[in-house]
Amino acid sequence: MEAAQRTASATVSDVALARAVLTAARGVGGVTDISRGRYAIIRTIGLGGDSVEGVQLAHRADGLWVEVHLVVRPVPLPPLAAAVRAAVAAALAQAGALVTAVDIWIDGLAAPEAGEP
């Protein structure tokens, strides 16, 4: 197998990366769901028609730029965004992706859980 073929076959698909982003973001306390986007549907589209809504990936010369759209509970947003950025960056690093930036969009606010102020 030629080097170019080995590299291509070892590359993780954008859809798989977007799914890793979803899992990481949903695992952060305060995140209740992923949003499709407020003004346009945000998605990552892969070969064969697979897509992941709420996450958009852009490959840049210095690394991967990630945009993730969230619905959250009423919690302090700067710590929540920092936790989501860290979780997403860690998940993508584990998948072998170099992450340049993780942009967090808060598209919706969910009702507090029972017992929360």
PDB file of N, CA and C in Angstrom:
ATOM      1  N   MET A   1       0.852  -1.181   0.000  1.00  0.00           N
ATOM      2  CA  MET A   1       0.000   0.000   0.000  1.00  0.00           C
ATOM      3  C   MET A   1       0.893   1.237   0.000  1.00  0.00           C
ATOM      4  N   GLU A   2       0.565   2.199  -0.862  1.00  0.00           N
ATOM      5  CA  GLU A   2       1.340   3.425  -0.935  1.00  0.00           C
ATOM      6  C   GLU A   2       1.063   4.303   0.272  1.00  0.00           C
ATOM      7  N   ALA A   3       1.993   5.236   0.566  1.00  0.00           N
ATOM      8  CA  ALA A   3       1.852   6.121   1.727  1.00  0.00           C
ATOM      9  C   ALA A   3       0.580   6.954   1.650  1.00  0.00           C
ATOM     10  N   ALA A   4       0.235   7.454   0.472  1.00  0.00           N
ATOM     11  CA  ALA A   4      -0.971   8.280   0.331  1.00  0.00           C
ATOM     12  C   ALA A   4      -2.222   7.481   0.658  1.00  0.00           C
ATOM     13  N   GLN A   5      -2.248   6.215   0.254  1.00  0.00           N
ATOM     14  CA  GLN A   5      -3.407   5.379   0.558  1.00  0.00           C
ATOM     15  C   GLN A   5      -3.499   5.086   2.044  1.00  0.00           C
ATOM     16  N   ARG A   6      -2.356   4.844   2.706  1.00  0.00           N
ATOM     17  CA  ARG A   6      -2.369   4.591   4.150  1.00  0.00           C
ATOM     18  C   ARG A   6      -2.884   5.815   4.894  1.00  0.00           C
ATOM     19  N   THR A   7      -2.440   7.000   4.491  1.00  0.00           N
ATOM     20  CA  THR A   7      -2.878   8.230   5.148  1.00  0.00           C
ATOM     21  C   THR A   7      -4.375   8.420   4.986  1.00  0.00           C
ATOM     22  N   ALA A   8      -4.884   8.225   3.785  1.00  0.00           N
ATOM     23  CA  ALA A   8      -6.310   8.420   3.532  1.00  0.00           C
ATOM     24  C   ALA A   8      -7.143   7.421   4.319  1.00  0.00           C
ATOM     25  N   SER A   9      -6.718   6.181   4.399  1.00  0.00           N
ATOM     26  CA  SER A   9      -7.512   5.175   5.089  1.00  0.00           C
ATOM     27  C   SER A   9      -7.442   5.353   6.604  1.00  0.00           C
ATOM     28  N   ALA A  10      -6.394   5.984   7.113  1.00  0.00           N
ATOM     29  CA  ALA A  10      -6.263   6.192   8.551  1.00  0.00           C
ATOM     30  C   ALA A  10      -6.946   7.481   9.019  1.00  0.00           C
ATOM     31  N   THR A  11      -7.396   8.308   8.096  1.00  0.00           N
ATOM     32  CA  THR A  11      -8.019   9.572   8.445  1.00  0.00           C
ATOM     33  C   THR A  11      -9.424   9.336   8.990  1.00  0.00           C
ATOM     34  N   VAL A  12      -9.742  10.030  10.066  1.00  0.00           N
ATOM     35  CA  VAL A  12     -11.069   9.937  10.657  1.00  0.00           C
ATOM     36  C   VAL A  12     -11.991  10.859   9.866  1.00  0.00           C
ATOM     37  N   SER A  13     -13.185  10.388   9.546  1.00  0.00           N
ATOM     38  CA  SER A  13     -14.117  11.191   8.750  1.00  0.00           C
ATOM     39  C   SER A  13     -14.630  12.381   9.550  1.00  0.00           C
ATOM     40  N   ASP A  14     -15.051  13.410   8.831  1.00  0.00           N
ATOM     41  CA  ASP A  14     -15.623  14.580   9.486  1.00  0.00           C
ATOM     42  C   ASP A  14     -16.878  14.222  10.264  1.00  0.00           C
ATOM     43  N   VAL A  15     -17.678  13.301   9.736  1.00  0.00           N
ATOM     44  CA  VAL A  15     -18.898  12.893  10.432  1.00  0.00           C
ATOM     45  C   VAL A  15     -18.540  12.217  11.757  1.00  0.00           C
ATOM     46  N   ALA A  16     -17.530  11.380  11.773  1.00  0.00           N
ATOM     47  CA  ALA A  16     -17.099  10.741  13.023  1.00  0.00           C
ATOM     48  C   ALA A  16     -16.587  11.785  14.012  1.00  0.00           C
ATOM     49  N   LEU A  17     -15.845  12.767  13.516  1.00  0.00           N
ATOM     50  CA  LEU A  17     -15.364  13.847  14.386  1.00  0.00           C
ATOM     51  C   LEU A  17     -16.541  14.649  14.938  1.00  0.00           C
ATOM     52  N   ALA A  18     -17.516  14.959  14.095  1.00  0.00           N
ATOM     53  CA  ALA A  18     -18.689  15.717  14.545  1.00  0.00           C
ATOM     54  C   ALA A  18     -19.471  14.932  15.591  1.00  0.00           C
ATOM     55  N   ARG A  19     -19.558  13.631  15.431  1.00  0.00           N
ATOM     56  CA  ARG A  19     -20.247  12.803  16.437  1.00  0.00           C
ATOM     57  C   ARG A  19     -19.489  12.814  17.764  1.00  0.00           C
ATOM     58  N   ALA A  20     -18.160  12.825  17.692  1.00  0.00           N
ATOM     59  CA  ALA A  20     -17.344  12.929  18.910  1.00  0.00           C
ATOM     60  C   ALA A  20     -17.587  14.274  19.596  1.00  0.00           C
ATOM     61  N   VAL A  21     -17.738  15.333  18.808  1.00  0.00           N
ATOM     62  CA  VAL A  21     -18.049  16.658  19.355  1.00  0.00           C
ATOM     63  C   VAL A  21     -19.391  16.619  20.078  1.00  0.00           C
ATOM     64  N   LEU A  22     -20.397  16.023  19.453  1.00  0.00           N
ATOM     65  CA  LEU A  22     -21.723  15.921  20.077  1.00  0.00           C
ATOM     66  C   LEU A  22     -21.658  15.193  21.411  1.00  0.00           C
ATOM     67  N   THR A  23     -20.994  14.075  21.425  1.00  0.00           N
ATOM     68  CA  THR A  23     -20.889  13.279  22.651  1.00  0.00           C
ATOM     69  C   THR A  23     -20.184  14.070  23.744  1.00  0.00           C
ATOM     70  N   ALA A  24     -19.094  14.732  23.398  1.00  0.00           N
ATOM     71  CA  ALA A  24     -18.339  15.509  24.381  1.00  0.00           C
ATOM     72  C   ALA A  24     -19.167  16.670  24.914  1.00  0.00           C
ATOM     73  N   ALA A  25     -19.836  17.390  24.031  1.00  0.00           N
ATOM     74  CA  ALA A  25     -20.626  18.550  24.455  1.00  0.00           C
ATOM     75  C   ALA A  25     -21.807  18.125  25.322  1.00  0.00           C
ATOM     76  N   ARG A  26     -22.477  17.065  24.941  1.00  0.00           N
ATOM     77  CA  ARG A  26     -23.637  16.598  25.716  1.00  0.00           C
ATOM     78  C   ARG A  26     -23.238  16.101  27.098  1.00  0.00           C
ATOM     79  N   GLY A  27     -21.991  15.711  27.260  1.00  0.00           N
ATOM     80  CA  GLY A  27     -21.507  15.216  28.548  1.00  0.00           C
ATOM     81  C   GLY A  27     -21.193  16.305  29.553  1.00  0.00           C
ATOM     82  N   VAL A  28     -21.252  17.557  29.146  1.00  0.00           N
ATOM     83  CA  VAL A  28     -20.942  18.672  30.042  1.00  0.00           C
ATOM     84  C   VAL A  28     -22.209  19.073  30.795  1.00  0.00           C
ATOM     85  N   GLY A  29     -22.118  19.168  32.112  1.00  0.00           N
ATOM     86  CA  GLY A  29     -23.250  19.580  32.933  1.00  0.00           C
ATOM     87  C   GLY A  29     -23.743  20.962  32.520  1.00  0.00           C
ATOM     88  N   GLY A  30     -25.042  21.099  32.383  1.00  0.00           N
ATOM     89  CA  GLY A  30     -25.629  22.361  31.955  1.00  0.00           C
ATOM     90  C   GLY A  30     -26.062  22.343  30.507  1.00  0.00           C
ATOM     91  N   VAL A  31     -25.488  21.451  29.701  1.00  0.00           N
ATOM     92  CA  VAL A  31     -25.892  21.299  28.301  1.00  0.00           C
ATOM     93  C   VAL A  31     -27.052  20.318  28.266  1.00  0.00           C
ATOM     94  N   THR A  32     -28.177  20.758  27.683  1.00  0.00           N
ATOM     95  CA  THR A  32     -29.339  19.870  27.620  1.00  0.00           C
ATOM     96  C   THR A  32     -29.535  19.257  26.245  1.00  0.00           C
ATOM     97  N   ASP A  33     -29.072  19.944  25.207  1.00  0.00           N
ATOM     98  CA  ASP A  33     -29.266  19.429  23.855  1.00  0.00           C
ATOM     99  C   ASP A  33     -28.348  20.162  22.891  1.00  0.00           C
ATOM    100  N   ILE A  34     -28.326  19.667  21.689  1.00  0.00           N
ATOM    101  CA  ILE A  34     -27.613  20.309  20.594  1.00  0.00           C
ATOM    102  C   ILE A  34     -28.663  20.999  19.728  1.00  0.00           C
ATOM    103  N   SER A  35     -28.360  22.200  19.263  1.00  0.00           N
ATOM    104  CA  SER A  35     -29.279  22.955  18.419  1.00  0.00           C
ATOM    105  C   SER A  35     -28.882  22.799  16.957  1.00  0.00           C
ATOM    106  N   ARG A  36     -29.846  22.865  16.075  1.00  0.00           N
ATOM    107  CA  ARG A  36     -29.577  22.816  14.634  1.00  0.00           C
ATOM    108  C   ARG A  36     -29.040  24.154  14.135  1.00  0.00           C
ATOM    109  N   GLY A  37     -29.152  25.185  14.950  1.00  0.00           N
ATOM    110  CA  GLY A  37     -28.767  26.532  14.544  1.00  0.00           C
ATOM    111  C   GLY A  37     -29.996  27.417  14.556  1.00  0.00           C
ATOM    112  N   ARG A  38     -29.813  28.684  14.802  1.00  0.00           N
ATOM    113  CA  ARG A  38     -30.956  29.593  14.897  1.00  0.00           C
ATOM    114  C   ARG A  38     -31.397  30.137  13.545  1.00  0.00           C
ATOM    115  N   TYR A  39     -30.462  30.508  12.706  1.00  0.00           N
ATOM    116  CA  TYR A  39     -30.801  31.189  11.451  1.00  0.00           C
ATOM    117  C   TYR A  39     -30.577  30.332  10.220  1.00  0.00           C
ATOM    118  N   ALA A  40     -29.809  29.311  10.366  1.00  0.00           N
ATOM    119  CA  ALA A  40     -29.545  28.358   9.281  1.00  0.00           C
ATOM    120  C   ALA A  40     -29.225  27.022   9.928  1.00  0.00           C
ATOM    121  N   ILE A  41     -29.482  25.956   9.220  1.00  0.00           N
ATOM    122  CA  ILE A  41     -29.165  24.636   9.762  1.00  0.00           C
ATOM    123  C   ILE A  41     -27.654  24.429   9.659  1.00  0.00           C
ATOM    124  N   ILE A  42     -27.044  24.214  10.816  1.00  0.00           N
ATOM    125  CA  ILE A  42     -25.613  23.973  10.904  1.00  0.00           C
ATOM    126  C   ILE A  42     -25.410  22.468  10.893  1.00  0.00           C
ATOM    127  N   ARG A  43     -24.554  22.001   9.998  1.00  0.00           N
ATOM    128  CA  ARG A  43     -24.327  20.556   9.951  1.00  0.00           C
ATOM    129  C   ARG A  43     -22.975  20.245   9.334  1.00  0.00           C
ATOM    130  N   THR A  44     -22.529  19.056   9.631  1.00  0.00           N
ATOM    131  CA  THR A  44     -21.353  18.473   8.999  1.00  0.00           C
ATOM    132  C   THR A  44     -21.870  17.371   8.094  1.00  0.00           C
ATOM    133  N   ILE A  45     -21.489  17.431   6.836  1.00  0.00           N
ATOM    134  CA  ILE A  45     -21.962  16.457   5.858  1.00  0.00           C
ATOM    135  C   ILE A  45     -20.793  15.591   5.413  1.00  0.00           C
ATOM    136  N   GLY A  46     -21.028  14.294   5.399  1.00  0.00           N
ATOM    137  CA  GLY A  46     -20.000  13.368   4.973  1.00  0.00           C
ATOM    138  C   GLY A  46     -20.370  12.691   3.666  1.00  0.00           C
ATOM    139  N   LEU A  47     -19.504  11.808   3.243  1.00  0.00           N
ATOM    140  CA  LEU A  47     -19.762  11.055   2.026  1.00  0.00           C
ATOM    141  C   LEU A  47     -20.950  10.125   2.232  1.00  0.00           C
ATOM    142  N   GLY A  48     -21.706   9.918   1.198  1.00  0.00           N
ATOM    143  CA  GLY A  48     -22.840   9.011   1.272  1.00  0.00           C
ATOM    144  C   GLY A  48     -24.069   9.625   1.908  1.00  0.00           C
ATOM    145  N   GLY A  49     -24.038  10.930   2.176  1.00  0.00           N
ATOM    146  CA  GLY A  49     -25.205  11.594   2.722  1.00  0.00           C
ATOM    147  C   GLY A  49     -25.307  11.620   4.233  1.00  0.00           C
ATOM    148  N   ASP A  50     -24.363  10.995   4.944  1.00  0.00           N
ATOM    149  CA  ASP A  50     -24.378  11.084   6.403  1.00  0.00           C
ATOM    150  C   ASP A  50     -24.210  12.535   6.811  1.00  0.00           C
ATOM    151  N   SER A  51     -24.929  12.938   7.863  1.00  0.00           N
ATOM    152  CA  SER A  51     -24.747  14.293   8.364  1.00  0.00           C
ATOM    153  C   SER A  51     -24.973  14.331   9.866  1.00  0.00           C
ATOM    154  N   VAL A  52     -24.379  15.343  10.487  1.00  0.00           N
ATOM    155  CA  VAL A  52     -24.533  15.582  11.916  1.00  0.00           C
ATOM    156  C   VAL A  52     -24.941  17.035  12.072  1.00  0.00           C
ATOM    157  N   GLU A  53     -26.143  17.259  12.600  1.00  0.00           N
ATOM    158  CA  GLU A  53     -26.629  18.624  12.768  1.00  0.00           C
ATOM    159  C   GLU A  53     -26.132  19.212  14.080  1.00  0.00           C
ATOM    160  N   GLY A  54     -25.896  20.530  14.060  1.00  0.00           N
ATOM    161  CA  GLY A  54     -25.470  21.248  15.251  1.00  0.00           C
ATOM    162  C   GLY A  54     -23.973  21.419  15.381  1.00  0.00           C
ATOM    163  N   VAL A  55     -23.225  20.789  14.482  1.00  0.00           N
ATOM    164  CA  VAL A  55     -21.762  20.889  14.506  1.00  0.00           C
ATOM    165  C   VAL A  55     -21.274  21.180  13.101  1.00  0.00           C
ATOM    166  N   GLN A  56     -20.384  22.143  13.005  1.00  0.00           N
ATOM    167  CA  GLN A  56     -19.758  22.435  11.718  1.00  0.00           C
ATOM    168  C   GLN A  56     -18.246  22.422  11.912  1.00  0.00           C
ATOM    169  N   LEU A  57     -17.564  21.762  11.006  1.00  0.00           N
ATOM    170  CA  LEU A  57     -16.105  21.659  11.042  1.00  0.00           C
ATOM    171  C   LEU A  57     -15.511  22.364   9.831  1.00  0.00           C
ATOM    172  N   ALA A  58     -14.418  23.060  10.055  1.00  0.00           N
ATOM    173  CA  ALA A  58     -13.700  23.703   8.958  1.00  0.00           C
ATOM    174  C   ALA A  58     -12.225  23.348   9.100  1.00  0.00           C
ATOM    175  N   HIS A  59     -11.664  22.793   8.039  1.00  0.00           N
ATOM    176  CA  HIS A  59     -10.248  22.448   8.033  1.00  0.00           C
ATOM    177  C   HIS A  59      -9.461  23.666   7.576  1.00  0.00           C
ATOM    178  N   ARG A  60      -8.562  24.128   8.424  1.00  0.00           N
ATOM    179  CA  ARG A  60      -7.713  25.270   8.103  1.00  0.00           C
ATOM    180  C   ARG A  60      -6.263  24.819   8.159  1.00  0.00           C
ATOM    181  N   ALA A  61      -5.394  25.643   7.642  1.00  0.00           N
ATOM    182  CA  ALA A  61      -3.970  25.283   7.593  1.00  0.00           C
ATOM    183  C   ALA A  61      -3.399  25.001   8.982  1.00  0.00           C
ATOM    184  N   ASP A  62      -3.892  25.711  10.002  1.00  0.00           N
ATOM    185  CA  ASP A  62      -3.351  25.537  11.352  1.00  0.00           C
ATOM    186  C   ASP A  62      -4.133  24.536  12.201  1.00  0.00           C
ATOM    187  N   GLY A  63      -5.172  23.931  11.660  1.00  0.00           N
ATOM    188  CA  GLY A  63      -5.917  22.926  12.403  1.00  0.00           C
ATOM    189  C   GLY A  63      -7.411  23.011  12.157  1.00  0.00           C
ATOM    190  N   LEU A  64      -8.137  22.282  12.951  1.00  0.00           N
ATOM    191  CA  LEU A  64      -9.582  22.151  12.796  1.00  0.00           C
ATOM    192  C   LEU A  64     -10.303  23.251  13.574  1.00  0.00           C
ATOM    193  N   TRP A  65     -11.239  23.913  12.915  1.00  0.00           N
ATOM    194  CA  TRP A  65     -12.076  24.932  13.528  1.00  0.00           C
ATOM    195  C   TRP A  65     -13.444  24.314  13.733  1.00  0.00           C
ATOM    196  N   VAL A  66     -13.947  24.326  14.967  1.00  0.00           N
ATOM    197  CA  VAL A  66     -15.192  23.659  15.322  1.00  0.00           C
ATOM    198  C   VAL A  66     -16.217  24.695  15.770  1.00  0.00           C
ATOM    199  N   GLU A  67     -17.439  24.537  15.291  1.00  0.00           N
ATOM    200  CA  GLU A  67     -18.560  25.362  15.727  1.00  0.00           C
ATOM    201  C   GLU A  67     -19.614  24.402  16.251  1.00  0.00           C
ATOM    202  N   VAL A  68     -20.046  24.598  17.498  1.00  0.00           N
ATOM    203  CA  VAL A  68     -21.062  23.729  18.085  1.00  0.00           C
ATOM    204  C   VAL A  68     -22.175  24.604  18.666  1.00  0.00           C
ATOM    205  N   HIS A  69     -23.414  24.229  18.359  1.00  0.00           N
ATOM    206  CA  HIS A  69     -24.596  24.982  18.770  1.00  0.00           C
ATOM    207  C   HIS A  69     -25.321  24.217  19.869  1.00  0.00           C
ATOM    208  N   LEU A  70     -25.625  24.923  20.975  1.00  0.00           N
ATOM    209  CA  LEU A  70     -26.133  24.265  22.169  1.00  0.00           C
ATOM    210  C   LEU A  70     -27.442  24.862  22.666  1.00  0.00           C
ATOM    211  N   VAL A  71     -28.173  24.028  23.402  1.00  0.00           N
ATOM    212  CA  VAL A  71     -29.279  24.458  24.246  1.00  0.00           C
ATOM    213  C   VAL A  71     -28.812  24.147  25.668  1.00  0.00           C
ATOM    214  N   VAL A  72     -28.929  25.139  26.561  1.00  0.00           N
ATOM    215  CA  VAL A  72     -28.361  24.984  27.903  1.00  0.00           C
ATOM    216  C   VAL A  72     -29.382  25.354  28.972  1.00  0.00           C
ATOM    217  N   ARG A  73     -29.098  24.920  30.183  1.00  0.00           N
ATOM    218  CA  ARG A  73     -29.873  25.346  31.348  1.00  0.00           C
ATOM    219  C   ARG A  73     -29.385  26.727  31.771  1.00  0.00           C
ATOM    220  N   PRO A  74     -30.145  27.423  32.598  1.00  0.00           N
ATOM    221  CA  PRO A  74     -29.686  28.724  33.075  1.00  0.00           C
ATOM    222  C   PRO A  74     -28.546  28.564  34.084  1.00  0.00           C
ATOM    223  N   VAL A  75     -27.343  28.557  33.566  1.00  0.00           N
ATOM    224  CA  VAL A  75     -26.115  28.440  34.364  1.00  0.00           C
ATOM    225  C   VAL A  75     -25.173  29.558  33.909  1.00  0.00           C
ATOM    226  N   PRO A  76     -24.130  29.847  34.688  1.00  0.00           N
ATOM    227  CA  PRO A  76     -23.148  30.842  34.229  1.00  0.00           C
ATOM    228  C   PRO A  76     -22.512  30.391  32.909  1.00  0.00           C
ATOM    229  N   LEU A  77     -22.624  31.225  31.888  1.00  0.00           N
ATOM    230  CA  LEU A  77     -22.203  30.820  30.539  1.00  0.00           C
ATOM    231  C   LEU A  77     -20.689  30.752  30.324  1.00  0.00           C
ATOM    232  N   PRO A  78     -19.880  31.689  30.834  1.00  0.00           N
ATOM    233  CA  PRO A  78     -18.436  31.565  30.575  1.00  0.00           C
ATOM    234  C   PRO A  78     -17.828  30.250  31.083  1.00  0.00           C
ATOM    235  N   PRO A  79     -18.145  29.793  32.324  1.00  0.00           N
ATOM    236  CA  PRO A  79     -17.597  28.496  32.744  1.00  0.00           C
ATOM    237  C   PRO A  79     -18.143  27.324  31.922  1.00  0.00           C
ATOM    238  N   LEU A  80     -19.414  27.416  31.538  1.00  0.00           N
ATOM    239  CA  LEU A  80     -19.999  26.361  30.709  1.00  0.00           C
ATOM    240  C   LEU A  80     -19.284  26.277  29.364  1.00  0.00           C
ATOM    241  N   ALA A  81     -19.082  27.426  28.725  1.00  0.00           N
ATOM    242  CA  ALA A  81     -18.396  27.453  27.428  1.00  0.00           C
ATOM    243  C   ALA A  81     -16.975  26.910  27.558  1.00  0.00           C
ATOM    244  N   ALA A  82     -16.281  27.280  28.627  1.00  0.00           N
ATOM    245  CA  ALA A  82     -14.919  26.781  28.840  1.00  0.00           C
ATOM    246  C   ALA A  82     -14.914  25.260  29.008  1.00  0.00           C
ATOM    247  N   ALA A  83     -15.899  24.731  29.737  1.00  0.00           N
ATOM    248  CA  ALA A  83     -15.979  23.278  29.932  1.00  0.00           C
ATOM    249  C   ALA A  83     -16.281  22.558  28.626  1.00  0.00           C
ATOM    250  N   VAL A  84     -17.175  23.128  27.820  1.00  0.00           N
ATOM    251  CA  VAL A  84     -17.500  22.509  26.528  1.00  0.00           C
ATOM    252  C   VAL A  84     -16.270  22.556  25.620  1.00  0.00           C
ATOM    253  N   ARG A  85     -15.591  23.698  25.561  1.00  0.00           N
ATOM    254  CA  ARG A  85     -14.376  23.800  24.728  1.00  0.00           C
ATOM    255  C   ARG A  85     -13.349  22.752  25.130  1.00  0.00           C
ATOM    256  N   ALA A  86     -13.122  22.608  26.426  1.00  0.00           N
ATOM    257  CA  ALA A  86     -12.134  21.635  26.910  1.00  0.00           C
ATOM    258  C   ALA A  86     -12.556  20.205  26.568  1.00  0.00           C
ATOM    259  N   ALA A  87     -13.829  19.887  26.753  1.00  0.00           N
ATOM    260  CA  ALA A  87     -14.317  18.531  26.462  1.00  0.00           C
ATOM    261  C   ALA A  87     -14.209  18.218  24.976  1.00  0.00           C
ATOM    262  N   VAL A  88     -14.599  19.175  24.137  1.00  0.00           N
ATOM    263  CA  VAL A  88     -14.538  18.978  22.685  1.00  0.00           C
ATOM    264  C   VAL A  88     -13.089  18.837  22.223  1.00  0.00           C
ATOM    265  N   ALA A  89     -12.216  19.711  22.695  1.00  0.00           N
ATOM    266  CA  ALA A  89     -10.804  19.644  22.299  1.00  0.00           C
ATOM    267  C   ALA A  89     -10.180  18.319  22.725  1.00  0.00           C
ATOM    268  N   ALA A  90     -10.503  17.853  23.928  1.00  0.00           N
ATOM    269  CA  ALA A  90      -9.955  16.577  24.407  1.00  0.00           C
ATOM    270  C   ALA A  90     -10.462  15.409  23.563  1.00  0.00           C
ATOM    271  N   ALA A  91     -11.763  15.415  23.237  1.00  0.00           N
ATOM    272  CA  ALA A  91     -12.325  14.328  22.426  1.00  0.00           C
ATOM    273  C   ALA A  91     -11.704  14.300  21.036  1.00  0.00           C
ATOM    274  N   LEU A  92     -11.514  15.462  20.440  1.00  0.00           N
ATOM    275  CA  LEU A  92     -10.930  15.505  19.100  1.00  0.00           C
ATOM    276  C   LEU A  92      -9.440  15.180  19.118  1.00  0.00           C
ATOM    277  N   ALA A  93      -8.749  15.590  20.158  1.00  0.00           N
ATOM    278  CA  ALA A  93      -7.327  15.230  20.282  1.00  0.00           C
ATOM    279  C   ALA A  93      -7.184  13.715  20.402  1.00  0.00           C
ATOM    280  N   GLN A  94      -8.104  13.090  21.128  1.00  0.00           N
ATOM    281  CA  GLN A  94      -8.090  11.631  21.264  1.00  0.00           C
ATOM    282  C   GLN A  94      -8.321  10.954  19.914  1.00  0.00           C
ATOM    283  N   ALA A  95      -9.067  11.626  19.038  1.00  0.00           N
ATOM    284  CA  ALA A  95      -9.324  11.090  17.696  1.00  0.00           C
ATOM    285  C   ALA A  95      -8.195  11.450  16.732  1.00  0.00           C
ATOM    286  N   GLY A  96      -7.209  12.193  17.205  1.00  0.00           N
ATOM    287  CA  GLY A  96      -6.062  12.527  16.373  1.00  0.00           C
ATOM    288  C   GLY A  96      -6.197  13.820  15.596  1.00  0.00           C
ATOM    289  N   ALA A  97      -7.162  14.659  15.955  1.00  0.00           N
ATOM    290  CA  ALA A  97      -7.366  15.921  15.236  1.00  0.00           C
ATOM    291  C   ALA A  97      -6.699  17.064  16.001  1.00  0.00           C
ATOM    292  N   LEU A  98      -6.007  17.923  15.271  1.00  0.00           N
ATOM    293  CA  LEU A  98      -5.422  19.130  15.839  1.00  0.00           C
ATOM    294  C   LEU A  98      -6.495  20.213  15.813  1.00  0.00           C
ATOM    295  N   VAL A  99      -6.884  20.721  16.979  1.00  0.00           N
ATOM    296  CA  VAL A  99      -7.965  21.691  17.088  1.00  0.00           C
ATOM    297  C   VAL A  99      -7.375  23.084  17.277  1.00  0.00           C
ATOM    298  N   THR A 100      -7.788  24.000  16.405  1.00  0.00           N
ATOM    299  CA  THR A 100      -7.363  25.387  16.491  1.00  0.00           C
ATOM    300  C   THR A 100      -8.308  26.196  17.359  1.00  0.00           C
ATOM    301  N   ALA A 101      -9.616  26.027  17.165  1.00  0.00           N
ATOM    302  CA  ALA A 101     -10.609  26.799  17.900  1.00  0.00           C
ATOM    303  C   ALA A 101     -11.895  26.011  18.027  1.00  0.00           C
ATOM    304  N   VAL A 102     -12.604  26.269  19.126  1.00  0.00           N
ATOM    305  CA  VAL A 102     -13.939  25.709  19.341  1.00  0.00           C
ATOM    306  C   VAL A 102     -14.856  26.886  19.663  1.00  0.00           C
ATOM    307  N   ASP A 103     -15.731  27.205  18.734  1.00  0.00           N
ATOM    308  CA  ASP A 103     -16.701  28.282  18.929  1.00  0.00           C
ATOM    309  C   ASP A 103     -17.991  27.693  19.479  1.00  0.00           C
ATOM    310  N   ILE A 104     -18.463  28.284  20.566  1.00  0.00           N
ATOM    311  CA  ILE A 104     -19.687  27.825  21.217  1.00  0.00           C
ATOM    312  C   ILE A 104     -20.791  28.828  20.917  1.00  0.00           C
ATOM    313  N   TRP A 105     -21.924  28.322  20.441  1.00  0.00           N
ATOM    314  CA  TRP A 105     -23.105  29.146  20.195  1.00  0.00           C
ATOM    315  C   TRP A 105     -24.202  28.665  21.123  1.00  0.00           C
ATOM    316  N   ILE A 106     -24.762  29.570  21.905  1.00  0.00           N
ATOM    317  CA  ILE A 106     -25.895  29.240  22.767  1.00  0.00           C
ATOM    318  C   ILE A 106     -27.147  29.664  22.007  1.00  0.00           C
ATOM    319  N   ASP A 107     -27.869  28.689  21.484  1.00  0.00           N
ATOM    320  CA  ASP A 107     -29.043  28.964  20.654  1.00  0.00           C
ATOM    321  C   ASP A 107     -30.350  28.877  21.411  1.00  0.00           C
ATOM    322  N   GLY A 108     -30.321  28.282  22.595  1.00  0.00           N
ATOM    323  CA  GLY A 108     -31.564  28.138  23.330  1.00  0.00           C
ATOM    324  C   GLY A 108     -31.316  27.945  24.806  1.00  0.00           C
ATOM    325  N   LEU A 109     -32.328  28.268  25.588  1.00  0.00           N
ATOM    326  CA  LEU A 109     -32.277  28.131  27.036  1.00  0.00           C
ATOM    327  C   LEU A 109     -33.383  27.167  27.455  1.00  0.00           C
ATOM    328  N   ALA A 110     -33.010  26.102  28.134  1.00  0.00           N
ATOM    329  CA  ALA A 110     -33.967  25.106  28.615  1.00  0.00           C
ATOM    330  C   ALA A 110     -34.472  25.504  29.984  1.00  0.00           C
ATOM    331  N   ALA A 111     -35.618  25.012  30.330  1.00  0.00           N
ATOM    332  CA  ALA A 111     -36.175  25.256  31.668  1.00  0.00           C
ATOM    333  C   ALA A 111     -35.282  24.597  32.714  1.00  0.00           C
ATOM    334  N   PRO A 112     -35.147  25.228  33.873  1.00  0.00           N
ATOM    335  CA  PRO A 112     -34.338  24.606  34.936  1.00  0.00           C
ATOM    336  C   PRO A 112     -34.949  23.270  35.373  1.00  0.00           C
ATOM    337  N   GLU A 113     -34.085  22.386  35.869  1.00  0.00           N
ATOM    338  CA  GLU A 113     -34.575  21.113  36.394  1.00  0.00           C
ATOM    339  C   GLU A 113     -35.278  21.366  37.722  1.00  0.00           C
ATOM    340  N   ALA A 114     -36.068  20.413  38.143  1.00  0.00           N
ATOM    341  CA  ALA A 114     -36.777  20.536  39.426  1.00  0.00           C
ATOM    342  C   ALA A 114     -35.762  20.759  40.546  1.00  0.00           C
ATOM    343  N   GLY A 115     -36.026  21.752  41.382  1.00  0.00           N
ATOM    344  CA  GLY A 115     -35.123  22.046  42.495  1.00  0.00           C
ATOM    345  C   GLY A 115     -34.074  23.087  42.199  1.00  0.00           C
ATOM    346  N   GLU A 116     -33.880  23.438  40.902  1.00  0.00           N
ATOM    347  CA  GLU A 116     -32.940  24.490  40.552  1.00  0.00           C
ATOM    348  C   GLU A 116     -33.656  25.832  40.654  1.00  0.00           C
ATOM    349  N   PRO A 117     -32.913  26.882  41.015  1.00  0.00           N
ATOM    350  CA  PRO A 117     -33.546  28.210  41.110  1.00  0.00           C
ATOM    351  C   PRO A 117     -33.990  28.734  39.767  1.00  0.00           C
TER     352      PRO A 117
END
